[in-house]
Structure formats: C-alpha cells, structure tokens
Amino acid sequence: MTLLLAVTLFVLAVFLGMELIAKVPATLHTPLMSGSNAISGITLIGALVSAGTEHTTLTTVLGFLAVTLATVNVVGGFLVTDRMLSMFSNRRKRRE
C-alpha cells in the first residue's frame, strides 16, 4: 500500500510540474529558473543526505541518481541565467 501511495504521489507531482511549467510564458521562464536555483540547492542537499545514509543498496543508488539529477538542474539553471544576463549586457554595450 505504501508503494502504491508513493507512486501515485510521484505521478501527480510530475503531472502538476509539467502543467505549471507549460503555463509559464517564455519571458518569465528564465527569471523563474534563476530563482528556483535556491530550491534546487535544497534538493541537492537532501539528495546528498539520502545517498549518504547507506540503508540499502537501493537507497544508495537512488540517492546517487537524485544527486546527479539535482546537480544537472542547478548547473543548467546557472548556465541559462548567465546566458540571459549576457544577452542584456551585449545590448548595453551596443548602445554605448
């Protein structure tokens, strides 16, 4: 029963996340992504704690996977933010 509840919660979270991201206009997506880097950092810390508990091999593997995905999310967010900021700084340089 617990597994069924966890899978149901996961599916609902994925569906809700996809719907929320799809509704955000493109002009707001990059600033929201840079703001969500703090949340992704918290996720990364939780994934590190989960990977380090070493209860079973499954929890260690899932923790490692969570650390990998959270790191990709944080790095990708910073790269997108940096690209956005460089686009604005090039416009200022052209005007001068």
PDB file of N, CA and C in Angstrom:
ATOM      1  N   MET A   1       0.822  -1.201   0.000  1.00  0.00           N
ATOM      2  CA  MET A   1       0.000   0.000   0.000  1.00  0.00           C
ATOM      3  C   MET A   1       0.867   1.267   0.000  1.00  0.00           C
ATOM      4  N   THR A   2       1.970   1.226   0.720  1.00  0.00           N
ATOM      5  CA  THR A   2       2.849   2.389   0.773  1.00  0.00           C
ATOM      6  C   THR A   2       3.469   2.660  -0.594  1.00  0.00           C
ATOM      7  N   LEU A   3       3.853   1.608  -1.298  1.00  0.00           N
ATOM      8  CA  LEU A   3       4.425   1.778  -2.630  1.00  0.00           C
ATOM      9  C   LEU A   3       3.410   2.384  -3.593  1.00  0.00           C
ATOM     10  N   LEU A   4       2.174   1.937  -3.511  1.00  0.00           N
ATOM     11  CA  LEU A   4       1.126   2.486  -4.363  1.00  0.00           C
ATOM     12  C   LEU A   4       0.908   3.967  -4.073  1.00  0.00           C
ATOM     13  N   LEU A   5       0.923   4.335  -2.812  1.00  0.00           N
ATOM     14  CA  LEU A   5       0.767   5.736  -2.434  1.00  0.00           C
ATOM     15  C   LEU A   5       1.944   6.567  -2.936  1.00  0.00           C
ATOM     16  N   ALA A   6       3.162   6.047  -2.821  1.00  0.00           N
ATOM     17  CA  ALA A   6       4.345   6.778  -3.280  1.00  0.00           C
ATOM     18  C   ALA A   6       4.329   6.958  -4.796  1.00  0.00           C
ATOM     19  N   VAL A   7       3.958   5.925  -5.525  1.00  0.00           N
ATOM     20  CA  VAL A   7       3.897   6.024  -6.982  1.00  0.00           C
ATOM     21  C   VAL A   7       2.808   7.005  -7.410  1.00  0.00           C
ATOM     22  N   THR A   8       1.658   6.962  -6.749  1.00  0.00           N
ATOM     23  CA  THR A   8       0.573   7.895  -7.062  1.00  0.00           C
ATOM     24  C   THR A   8       1.002   9.332  -6.808  1.00  0.00           C
ATOM     25  N   LEU A   9       1.659   9.570  -5.683  1.00  0.00           N
ATOM     26  CA  LEU A   9       2.145  10.912  -5.363  1.00  0.00           C
ATOM     27  C   LEU A   9       3.176  11.381  -6.383  1.00  0.00           C
ATOM     28  N   PHE A  10       4.059  10.484  -6.801  1.00  0.00           N
ATOM     29  CA  PHE A  10       5.063  10.833  -7.799  1.00  0.00           C
ATOM     30  C   PHE A  10       4.423  11.203  -9.133  1.00  0.00           C
ATOM     31  N   VAL A  11       3.459  10.429  -9.575  1.00  0.00           N
ATOM     32  CA  VAL A  11       2.787  10.695 -10.852  1.00  0.00           C
ATOM     33  C   VAL A  11       2.047  12.029 -10.787  1.00  0.00           C
ATOM     34  N   LEU A  12       1.391  12.290  -9.683  1.00  0.00           N
ATOM     35  CA  LEU A  12       0.690  13.576  -9.542  1.00  0.00           C
ATOM     36  C   LEU A  12       1.666  14.743  -9.522  1.00  0.00           C
ATOM     37  N   ALA A  13       2.808  14.578  -8.860  1.00  0.00           N
ATOM     38  CA  ALA A  13       3.808  15.645  -8.813  1.00  0.00           C
ATOM     39  C   ALA A  13       4.379  15.920 -10.200  1.00  0.00           C
ATOM     40  N   VAL A  14       4.645  14.863 -10.965  1.00  0.00           N
ATOM     41  CA  VAL A  14       5.157  15.042 -12.326  1.00  0.00           C
ATOM     42  C   VAL A  14       4.121  15.744 -13.191  1.00  0.00           C
ATOM     43  N   PHE A  15       2.873  15.324 -13.108  1.00  0.00           N
ATOM     44  CA  PHE A  15       1.815  15.947 -13.902  1.00  0.00           C
ATOM     45  C   PHE A  15       1.647  17.421 -13.532  1.00  0.00           C
ATOM     46  N   LEU A  16       1.609  17.725 -12.245  1.00  0.00           N
ATOM     47  CA  LEU A  16       1.452  19.107 -11.806  1.00  0.00           C
ATOM     48  C   LEU A  16       2.639  19.960 -12.234  1.00  0.00           C
ATOM     49  N   GLY A  17       3.850  19.423 -12.106  1.00  0.00           N
ATOM     50  CA  GLY A  17       5.031  20.162 -12.528  1.00  0.00           C
ATOM     51  C   GLY A  17       5.024  20.470 -14.013  1.00  0.00           C
ATOM     52  N   MET A  18       4.636  19.486 -14.820  1.00  0.00           N
ATOM     53  CA  MET A  18       4.586  19.699 -16.265  1.00  0.00           C
ATOM     54  C   MET A  18       3.531  20.757 -16.621  1.00  0.00           C
ATOM     55  N   GLU A  19       2.397  20.708 -15.961  1.00  0.00           N
ATOM     56  CA  GLU A  19       1.345  21.688 -16.240  1.00  0.00           C
ATOM     57  C   GLU A  19       1.773  23.094 -15.829  1.00  0.00           C
ATOM     58  N   LEU A  20       2.436  23.217 -14.703  1.00  0.00           N
ATOM     59  CA  LEU A  20       2.869  24.541 -14.253  1.00  0.00           C
ATOM     60  C   LEU A  20       3.933  25.126 -15.169  1.00  0.00           C
ATOM     61  N   ILE A  21       4.891  24.323 -15.564  1.00  0.00           N
ATOM     62  CA  ILE A  21       5.950  24.814 -16.444  1.00  0.00           C
ATOM     63  C   ILE A  21       5.387  25.187 -17.814  1.00  0.00           C
ATOM     64  N   ALA A  22       4.430  24.415 -18.300  1.00  0.00           N
ATOM     65  CA  ALA A  22       3.851  24.693 -19.620  1.00  0.00           C
ATOM     66  C   ALA A  22       3.065  26.001 -19.625  1.00  0.00           C
ATOM     67  N   LYS A  23       2.531  26.411 -18.491  1.00  0.00           N
ATOM     68  CA  LYS A  23       1.714  27.628 -18.427  1.00  0.00           C
ATOM     69  C   LYS A  23       2.540  28.902 -18.246  1.00  0.00           C
ATOM     70  N   VAL A  24       3.833  28.785 -17.975  1.00  0.00           N
ATOM     71  CA  VAL A  24       4.668  29.964 -17.752  1.00  0.00           C
ATOM     72  C   VAL A  24       5.074  30.545 -19.104  1.00  0.00           C
ATOM     73  N   PRO A  25       4.852  31.846 -19.327  1.00  0.00           N
ATOM     74  CA  PRO A  25       5.269  32.456 -20.589  1.00  0.00           C
ATOM     75  C   PRO A  25       6.794  32.432 -20.732  1.00  0.00           C
ATOM     76  N   ALA A  26       7.264  32.440 -21.964  1.00  0.00           N
ATOM     77  CA  ALA A  26       8.705  32.356 -22.222  1.00  0.00           C
ATOM     78  C   ALA A  26       9.474  33.532 -21.620  1.00  0.00           C
ATOM     79  N   THR A  27       8.828  34.697 -21.544  1.00  0.00           N
ATOM     80  CA  THR A  27       9.524  35.867 -20.995  1.00  0.00           C
ATOM     81  C   THR A  27       9.764  35.743 -19.495  1.00  0.00           C
ATOM     82  N   LEU A  28       8.980  34.935 -18.818  1.00  0.00           N
ATOM     83  CA  LEU A  28       9.153  34.764 -17.376  1.00  0.00           C
ATOM     84  C   LEU A  28       9.925  33.505 -17.011  1.00  0.00           C
ATOM     85  N   HIS A  29      10.153  32.627 -17.972  1.00  0.00           N
ATOM     86  CA  HIS A  29      10.746  31.337 -17.645  1.00  0.00           C
ATOM     87  C   HIS A  29      12.166  31.472 -17.097  1.00  0.00           C
ATOM     88  N   THR A  30      13.006  32.292 -17.723  1.00  0.00           N
ATOM     89  CA  THR A  30      14.395  32.414 -17.294  1.00  0.00           C
ATOM     90  C   THR A  30      14.528  33.055 -15.923  1.00  0.00           C
ATOM     91  N   PRO A  31      13.833  34.166 -15.616  1.00  0.00           N
ATOM     92  CA  PRO A  31      13.929  34.688 -14.248  1.00  0.00           C
ATOM     93  C   PRO A  31      13.403  33.708 -13.199  1.00  0.00           C
ATOM     94  N   LEU A  32      12.358  32.972 -13.522  1.00  0.00           N
ATOM     95  CA  LEU A  32      11.867  31.984 -12.572  1.00  0.00           C
ATOM     96  C   LEU A  32      12.859  30.849 -12.387  1.00  0.00           C
ATOM     97  N   MET A  33      13.558  30.479 -13.457  1.00  0.00           N
ATOM     98  CA  MET A  33      14.543  29.420 -13.354  1.00  0.00           C
ATOM     99  C   MET A  33      15.702  29.846 -12.463  1.00  0.00           C
ATOM    100  N   SER A  34      16.140  31.084 -12.588  1.00  0.00           N
ATOM    101  CA  SER A  34      17.232  31.541 -11.741  1.00  0.00           C
ATOM    102  C   SER A  34      16.788  31.607 -10.287  1.00  0.00           C
ATOM    103  N   GLY A  35      15.538  31.936 -10.070  1.00  0.00           N
ATOM    104  CA  GLY A  35      15.034  31.947  -8.699  1.00  0.00           C
ATOM    105  C   GLY A  35      14.861  30.563  -8.115  1.00  0.00           C
ATOM    106  N   SER A  36      14.625  29.591  -8.962  1.00  0.00           N
ATOM    107  CA  SER A  36      14.433  28.228  -8.463  1.00  0.00           C
ATOM    108  C   SER A  36      15.743  27.508  -8.182  1.00  0.00           C
ATOM    109  N   ASN A  37      16.881  28.133  -8.481  1.00  0.00           N
ATOM    110  CA  ASN A  37      18.162  27.508  -8.170  1.00  0.00           C
ATOM    111  C   ASN A  37      18.340  27.305  -6.671  1.00  0.00           C
ATOM    112  N   ALA A  38      17.794  28.183  -5.864  1.00  0.00           N
ATOM    113  CA  ALA A  38      17.884  28.003  -4.409  1.00  0.00           C
ATOM    114  C   ALA A  38      17.112  26.757  -3.984  1.00  0.00           C
ATOM    115  N   ILE A  39      15.952  26.547  -4.560  1.00  0.00           N
ATOM    116  CA  ILE A  39      15.167  25.348  -4.245  1.00  0.00           C
ATOM    117  C   ILE A  39      15.897  24.101  -4.726  1.00  0.00           C
ATOM    118  N   SER A  40      16.520  24.192  -5.877  1.00  0.00           N
ATOM    119  CA  SER A  40      17.276  23.054  -6.385  1.00  0.00           C
ATOM    120  C   SER A  40      18.479  22.760  -5.497  1.00  0.00           C
ATOM    121  N   GLY A  41      19.066  23.784  -4.928  1.00  0.00           N
ATOM    122  CA  GLY A  41      20.175  23.586  -3.989  1.00  0.00           C
ATOM    123  C   GLY A  41      19.726  22.839  -2.748  1.00  0.00           C
ATOM    124  N   ILE A  42      18.536  23.159  -2.263  1.00  0.00           N
ATOM    125  CA  ILE A  42      17.986  22.437  -1.113  1.00  0.00           C
ATOM    126  C   ILE A  42      17.714  20.986  -1.486  1.00  0.00           C
ATOM    127  N   THR A  43      17.224  20.764  -2.694  1.00  0.00           N
ATOM    128  CA  THR A  43      17.009  19.408  -3.180  1.00  0.00           C
ATOM    129  C   THR A  43      18.327  18.644  -3.250  1.00  0.00           C
ATOM    130  N   LEU A  44      19.371  19.320  -3.682  1.00  0.00           N
ATOM    131  CA  LEU A  44      20.692  18.688  -3.767  1.00  0.00           C
ATOM    132  C   LEU A  44      21.196  18.282  -2.387  1.00  0.00           C
ATOM    133  N   ILE A  45      20.987  19.115  -1.397  1.00  0.00           N
ATOM    134  CA  ILE A  45      21.400  18.770  -0.034  1.00  0.00           C
ATOM    135  C   ILE A  45      20.616  17.560   0.475  1.00  0.00           C
ATOM    136  N   GLY A  46      19.307  17.547   0.230  1.00  0.00           N
ATOM    137  CA  GLY A  46      18.508  16.394   0.630  1.00  0.00           C
ATOM    138  C   GLY A  46      18.940  15.121  -0.076  1.00  0.00           C
ATOM    139  N   ALA A  47      19.313  15.237  -1.347  1.00  0.00           N
ATOM    140  CA  ALA A  47      19.779  14.067  -2.095  1.00  0.00           C
ATOM    141  C   ALA A  47      21.107  13.564  -1.554  1.00  0.00           C
ATOM    142  N   LEU A  48      21.983  14.479  -1.166  1.00  0.00           N
ATOM    143  CA  LEU A  48      23.254  14.073  -0.569  1.00  0.00           C
ATOM    144  C   LEU A  48      23.043  13.333   0.743  1.00  0.00           C
ATOM    145  N   VAL A  49      22.129  13.836   1.548  1.00  0.00           N
ATOM    146  CA  VAL A  49      21.825  13.160   2.817  1.00  0.00           C
ATOM    147  C   VAL A  49      21.242  11.776   2.547  1.00  0.00           C
ATOM    148  N   SER A  50      20.366  11.696   1.580  1.00  0.00           N
ATOM    149  CA  SER A  50      19.753  10.408   1.248  1.00  0.00           C
ATOM    150  C   SER A  50      20.778   9.418   0.712  1.00  0.00           C
ATOM    151  N   ALA A  51      21.703   9.884  -0.094  1.00  0.00           N
ATOM    152  CA  ALA A  51      22.718   8.990  -0.653  1.00  0.00           C
ATOM    153  C   ALA A  51      23.698   8.528   0.413  1.00  0.00           C
ATOM    154  N   GLY A  52      23.908   9.340   1.424  1.00  0.00           N
ATOM    155  CA  GLY A  52      24.890   9.005   2.453  1.00  0.00           C
ATOM    156  C   GLY A  52      24.385   8.114   3.565  1.00  0.00           C
ATOM    157  N   THR A  53      23.092   7.828   3.613  1.00  0.00           N
ATOM    158  CA  THR A  53      22.576   7.019   4.715  1.00  0.00           C
ATOM    159  C   THR A  53      22.957   5.557   4.607  1.00  0.00           C
ATOM    160  N   GLU A  54      23.094   5.041   3.394  1.00  0.00           N
ATOM    161  CA  GLU A  54      23.510   3.667   3.126  1.00  0.00           C
ATOM    162  C   GLU A  54      22.677   2.622   3.876  1.00  0.00           C
ATOM    163  N   HIS A  55      21.354   2.810   3.895  1.00  0.00           N
ATOM    164  CA  HIS A  55      20.474   1.800   4.489  1.00  0.00           C
ATOM    165  C   HIS A  55      20.504   0.524   3.671  1.00  0.00           C
ATOM    166  N   THR A  56      20.235   0.672   2.385  1.00  0.00           N
ATOM    167  CA  THR A  56      20.289  -0.469   1.468  1.00  0.00           C
ATOM    168  C   THR A  56      20.976  -0.010   0.194  1.00  0.00           C
ATOM    169  N   THR A  57      21.267  -0.958  -0.663  1.00  0.00           N
ATOM    170  CA  THR A  57      21.882  -0.615  -1.945  1.00  0.00           C
ATOM    171  C   THR A  57      20.926   0.221  -2.795  1.00  0.00           C
ATOM    172  N   LEU A  58      19.634  -0.091  -2.722  1.00  0.00           N
ATOM    173  CA  LEU A  58      18.645   0.663  -3.497  1.00  0.00           C
ATOM    174  C   LEU A  58      18.624   2.132  -3.085  1.00  0.00           C
ATOM    175  N   THR A  59      18.648   2.409  -1.786  1.00  0.00           N
ATOM    176  CA  THR A  59      18.615   3.809  -1.346  1.00  0.00           C
ATOM    177  C   THR A  59      19.887   4.545  -1.746  1.00  0.00           C
ATOM    178  N   THR A  60      21.008   3.855  -1.728  1.00  0.00           N
ATOM    179  CA  THR A  60      22.255   4.490  -2.155  1.00  0.00           C
ATOM    180  C   THR A  60      22.226   4.812  -3.641  1.00  0.00           C
ATOM    181  N   VAL A  61      21.742   3.878  -4.456  1.00  0.00           N
ATOM    182  CA  VAL A  61      21.659   4.106  -5.906  1.00  0.00           C
ATOM    183  C   VAL A  61      20.663   5.218  -6.220  1.00  0.00           C
ATOM    184  N   LEU A  62      19.505   5.195  -5.580  1.00  0.00           N
ATOM    185  CA  LEU A  62      18.521   6.255  -5.816  1.00  0.00           C
ATOM    186  C   LEU A  62      19.031   7.605  -5.313  1.00  0.00           C
ATOM    187  N   GLY A  63      19.751   7.607  -4.210  1.00  0.00           N
ATOM    188  CA  GLY A  63      20.347   8.849  -3.711  1.00  0.00           C
ATOM    189  C   GLY A  63      21.375   9.402  -4.671  1.00  0.00           C
ATOM    190  N   PHE A  64      22.209   8.519  -5.231  1.00  0.00           N
ATOM    191  CA  PHE A  64      23.197   8.950  -6.222  1.00  0.00           C
ATOM    192  C   PHE A  64      22.516   9.519  -7.460  1.00  0.00           C
ATOM    193  N   LEU A  65      21.464   8.859  -7.905  1.00  0.00           N
ATOM    194  CA  LEU A  65      20.705   9.350  -9.053  1.00  0.00           C
ATOM    195  C   LEU A  65      20.095  10.721  -8.750  1.00  0.00           C
ATOM    196  N   ALA A  66      19.578  10.888  -7.547  1.00  0.00           N
ATOM    197  CA  ALA A  66      18.996  12.177  -7.152  1.00  0.00           C
ATOM    198  C   ALA A  66      20.059  13.264  -7.106  1.00  0.00           C
ATOM    199  N   VAL A  67      21.248  12.934  -6.605  1.00  0.00           N
ATOM    200  CA  VAL A  67      22.342  13.909  -6.571  1.00  0.00           C
ATOM    201  C   VAL A  67      22.726  14.313  -7.991  1.00  0.00           C
ATOM    202  N   THR A  68      22.816  13.342  -8.878  1.00  0.00           N
ATOM    203  CA  THR A  68      23.190  13.626 -10.268  1.00  0.00           C
ATOM    204  C   THR A  68      22.164  14.534 -10.945  1.00  0.00           C
ATOM    205  N   LEU A  69      20.894  14.196 -10.809  1.00  0.00           N
ATOM    206  CA  LEU A  69      19.855  14.991 -11.460  1.00  0.00           C
ATOM    207  C   LEU A  69      19.734  16.388 -10.846  1.00  0.00           C
ATOM    208  N   ALA A  70      19.859  16.494  -9.532  1.00  0.00           N
ATOM    209  CA  ALA A  70      19.785  17.813  -8.891  1.00  0.00           C
ATOM    210  C   ALA A  70      20.970  18.677  -9.294  1.00  0.00           C
ATOM    211  N   THR A  71      22.145  18.072  -9.443  1.00  0.00           N
ATOM    212  CA  THR A  71      23.315  18.832  -9.874  1.00  0.00           C
ATOM    213  C   THR A  71      23.148  19.337 -11.297  1.00  0.00           C
ATOM    214  N   VAL A  72      22.619  18.495 -12.175  1.00  0.00           N
ATOM    215  CA  VAL A  72      22.359  18.922 -13.550  1.00  0.00           C
ATOM    216  C   VAL A  72      21.363  20.079 -13.560  1.00  0.00           C
ATOM    217  N   ASN A  73      20.357  20.012 -12.704  1.00  0.00           N
ATOM    218  CA  ASN A  73      19.350  21.066 -12.628  1.00  0.00           C
ATOM    219  C   ASN A  73      19.965  22.383 -12.162  1.00  0.00           C
ATOM    220  N   VAL A  74      20.794  22.336 -11.126  1.00  0.00           N
ATOM    221  CA  VAL A  74      21.409  23.559 -10.609  1.00  0.00           C
ATOM    222  C   VAL A  74      22.363  24.158 -11.641  1.00  0.00           C
ATOM    223  N   VAL A  75      23.224  23.340 -12.221  1.00  0.00           N
ATOM    224  CA  VAL A  75      24.186  23.838 -13.207  1.00  0.00           C
ATOM    225  C   VAL A  75      23.459  24.388 -14.437  1.00  0.00           C
ATOM    226  N   GLY A  76      22.438  23.680 -14.897  1.00  0.00           N
ATOM    227  CA  GLY A  76      21.673  24.162 -16.044  1.00  0.00           C
ATOM    228  C   GLY A  76      20.985  25.487 -15.755  1.00  0.00           C
ATOM    229  N   GLY A  77      20.467  25.638 -14.555  1.00  0.00           N
ATOM    230  CA  GLY A  77      19.831  26.898 -14.177  1.00  0.00           C
ATOM    231  C   GLY A  77      20.804  28.060 -14.186  1.00  0.00           C
ATOM    232  N   PHE A  78      22.012  27.820 -13.665  1.00  0.00           N
ATOM    233  CA  PHE A  78      23.007  28.876 -13.677  1.00  0.00           C
ATOM    234  C   PHE A  78      23.485  29.200 -15.092  1.00  0.00           C
ATOM    235  N   LEU A  79      23.597  28.189 -15.951  1.00  0.00           N
ATOM    236  CA  LEU A  79      24.006  28.448 -17.332  1.00  0.00           C
ATOM    237  C   LEU A  79      22.959  29.260 -18.087  1.00  0.00           C
ATOM    238  N   VAL A  80      21.692  28.940 -17.878  1.00  0.00           N
ATOM    239  CA  VAL A  80      20.623  29.693 -18.542  1.00  0.00           C
ATOM    240  C   VAL A  80      20.590  31.126 -18.027  1.00  0.00           C
ATOM    241  N   THR A  81      20.751  31.305 -16.730  1.00  0.00           N
ATOM    242  CA  THR A  81      20.766  32.653 -16.163  1.00  0.00           C
ATOM    243  C   THR A  81      21.946  33.453 -16.699  1.00  0.00           C
ATOM    244  N   ASP A  82      23.114  32.828 -16.780  1.00  0.00           N
ATOM    245  CA  ASP A  82      24.291  33.512 -17.305  1.00  0.00           C
ATOM    246  C   ASP A  82      24.082  33.914 -18.760  1.00  0.00           C
ATOM    247  N   ARG A  83      23.469  33.036 -19.531  1.00  0.00           N
ATOM    248  CA  ARG A  83      23.203  33.359 -20.936  1.00  0.00           C
ATOM    249  C   ARG A  83      22.221  34.517 -21.055  1.00  0.00           C
ATOM    250  N   MET A  84      21.204  34.525 -20.199  1.00  0.00           N
ATOM    251  CA  MET A  84      20.231  35.608 -20.227  1.00  0.00           C
ATOM    252  C   MET A  84      20.906  36.939 -19.869  1.00  0.00           C
ATOM    253  N   LEU A  85      21.726  36.926 -18.837  1.00  0.00           N
ATOM    254  CA  LEU A  85      22.392  38.161 -18.432  1.00  0.00           C
ATOM    255  C   LEU A  85      23.379  38.644 -19.486  1.00  0.00           C
ATOM    256  N   SER A  86      24.030  37.718 -20.181  1.00  0.00           N
ATOM    257  CA  SER A  86      24.953  38.142 -21.240  1.00  0.00           C
ATOM    258  C   SER A  86      24.204  38.753 -22.419  1.00  0.00           C
ATOM    259  N   MET A  87      22.993  38.311 -22.667  1.00  0.00           N
ATOM    260  CA  MET A  87      22.200  38.905 -23.738  1.00  0.00           C
ATOM    261  C   MET A  87      21.874  40.360 -23.418  1.00  0.00           C
ATOM    262  N   PHE A  88      21.559  40.645 -22.155  1.00  0.00           N
ATOM    263  CA  PHE A  88      21.245  42.024 -21.776  1.00  0.00           C
ATOM    264  C   PHE A  88      22.493  42.886 -21.745  1.00  0.00           C
ATOM    265  N   SER A  89      23.632  42.349 -21.340  1.00  0.00           N
ATOM    266  CA  SER A  89      24.846  43.161 -21.280  1.00  0.00           C
ATOM    267  C   SER A  89      25.345  43.494 -22.684  1.00  0.00           C
ATOM    268  N   ASN A  90      25.131  42.625 -23.667  1.00  0.00           N
ATOM    269  CA  ASN A  90      25.527  42.934 -25.039  1.00  0.00           C
ATOM    270  C   ASN A  90      24.715  44.086 -25.608  1.00  0.00           C
ATOM    271  N   ARG A  91      23.449  44.183 -25.247  1.00  0.00           N
ATOM    272  CA  ARG A  91      22.613  45.300 -25.718  1.00  0.00           C
ATOM    273  C   ARG A  91      23.122  46.625 -25.158  1.00  0.00           C
ATOM    274  N   ARG A  92      23.524  46.623 -23.906  1.00  0.00           N
ATOM    275  CA  ARG A  92      24.029  47.859 -23.307  1.00  0.00           C
ATOM    276  C   ARG A  92      25.330  48.282 -23.966  1.00  0.00           C
ATOM    277  N   LYS A  93      26.189  47.326 -24.276  1.00  0.00           N
ATOM    278  CA  LYS A  93      27.468  47.649 -24.910  1.00  0.00           C
ATOM    279  C   LYS A  93      27.254  48.209 -26.304  1.00  0.00           C
ATOM    280  N   ARG A  94      26.262  47.691 -27.036  1.00  0.00           N
ATOM    281  CA  ARG A  94      25.976  48.170 -28.385  1.00  0.00           C
ATOM    282  C   ARG A  94      25.490  49.606 -28.363  1.00  0.00           C
ATOM    283  N   ARG A  95      24.703  49.961 -27.338  1.00  0.00           N
ATOM    284  CA  ARG A  95      24.158  51.326 -27.261  1.00  0.00           C
ATOM    285  C   ARG A  95      25.267  52.342 -26.981  1.00  0.00           C
ATOM    286  N   GLU A  96      26.261  51.946 -26.219  1.00  0.00           N
ATOM    287  CA  GLU A  96      27.346  52.878 -25.882  1.00  0.00           C
ATOM    288  C   GLU A  96      28.277  53.003 -27.046  1.00  0.00           C
TER     289      GLU A  96
END
